[in-house]
Amino acid sequence: MKMKVVFEFTDEERSQAEDAFRGTEYKIALHQTRELIRGTLKYQQLTKPQREIILEFQKQFQEVVSDLPLD
């Protein structure tokens, strides 16, 4: 005997379900972005103004993701 279950979602519920389903992909993207920023600061030859901009961006990025477990 086979049973079929059909879920019906509102648009908001569908959006939330898709976000939850893609959570790992979002986490990986944020982790890669953090590493890109770190690598840029560590390995790229930046002018002082460029370094200051990247450091400010890094600070803001860290504030946004501070409560998320990216490791």
Protein backbone atom coordinates (compact mmCIF):
# COMPACT_ATOMS: atom_id res chain seq x y z
CA MET A 1 0.00 0.00 0.00
CA LYS A 2 1.35 3.41 -0.98
CA MET A 3 0.44 6.62 0.69
CA LYS A 4 0.87 10.05 -0.78
CA VAL A 5 1.16 13.14 1.37
CA VAL A 6 0.65 16.58 -0.12
CA PHE A 7 1.73 19.71 1.73
CA GLU A 8 0.18 23.02 0.89
CA PHE A 9 2.03 26.20 1.81
CA THR A 10 1.24 29.86 1.71
CA ASP A 11 3.75 31.96 -0.23
CA GLU A 12 5.42 33.00 3.06
CA GLU A 13 5.61 29.40 4.31
CA ARG A 14 7.02 28.27 0.96
CA SER A 15 9.72 30.94 1.17
CA GLN A 16 10.61 29.89 4.73
CA ALA A 17 10.75 26.23 3.73
CA GLU A 18 13.05 27.01 0.80
CA ASP A 19 15.34 29.06 3.07
CA ALA A 20 15.52 26.19 5.54
CA PHE A 21 16.21 23.71 2.75
CA ARG A 22 19.06 25.88 1.42
CA GLY A 23 20.53 26.69 4.84
CA THR A 24 23.72 24.70 4.26
CA GLU A 25 24.34 26.48 0.96
CA TYR A 26 23.91 29.86 2.67
CA LYS A 27 26.29 28.83 5.44
CA ILE A 28 28.93 27.77 2.92
CA ALA A 29 28.55 31.03 0.99
CA LEU A 30 28.99 33.10 4.16
CA HIS A 31 32.00 31.04 5.23
CA GLN A 32 33.61 31.47 1.79
CA THR A 33 32.95 35.20 1.89
CA ARG A 34 34.58 35.48 5.31
CA GLU A 35 37.62 33.56 4.05
CA LEU A 36 37.82 35.73 0.91
CA ILE A 37 37.92 38.86 3.07
CA ARG A 38 40.61 37.35 5.32
CA GLY A 39 42.67 36.23 2.34
CA THR A 40 42.40 39.62 0.68
CA LEU A 41 43.69 41.34 3.81
CA LYS A 42 46.45 38.79 4.34
CA TYR A 43 47.79 38.19 0.83
CA GLN A 44 46.84 41.13 -1.39
CA GLN A 45 48.98 44.21 -1.69
CA LEU A 46 46.50 46.92 -0.79
CA THR A 47 46.90 50.64 -0.52
CA LYS A 48 46.10 52.13 2.87
CA PRO A 49 42.67 53.39 1.70
CA GLN A 50 41.86 49.98 0.19
CA ARG A 51 42.88 48.21 3.41
CA GLU A 52 40.73 50.57 5.47
CA ILE A 53 37.70 49.91 3.27
CA ILE A 54 38.18 46.13 3.42
CA LEU A 55 38.66 46.28 7.21
CA GLU A 56 35.44 48.27 7.58
CA PHE A 57 33.63 45.80 5.35
CA GLN A 58 35.03 42.92 7.42
CA LYS A 59 33.84 44.58 10.62
CA GLN A 60 30.32 45.06 9.26
CA PHE A 61 30.24 41.53 7.87
CA GLN A 62 31.28 40.10 11.26
CA GLU A 63 28.52 42.08 12.97
CA VAL A 64 25.93 40.65 10.58
CA VAL A 65 27.07 37.03 11.00
CA SER A 66 28.25 37.18 14.63
CA ASP A 67 25.42 34.99 15.91
CA LEU A 68 25.76 32.40 13.17
CA PRO A 69 27.90 29.26 13.57
CA LEU A 70 30.06 29.39 10.44
CA ASP A 71 32.75 26.93 11.55
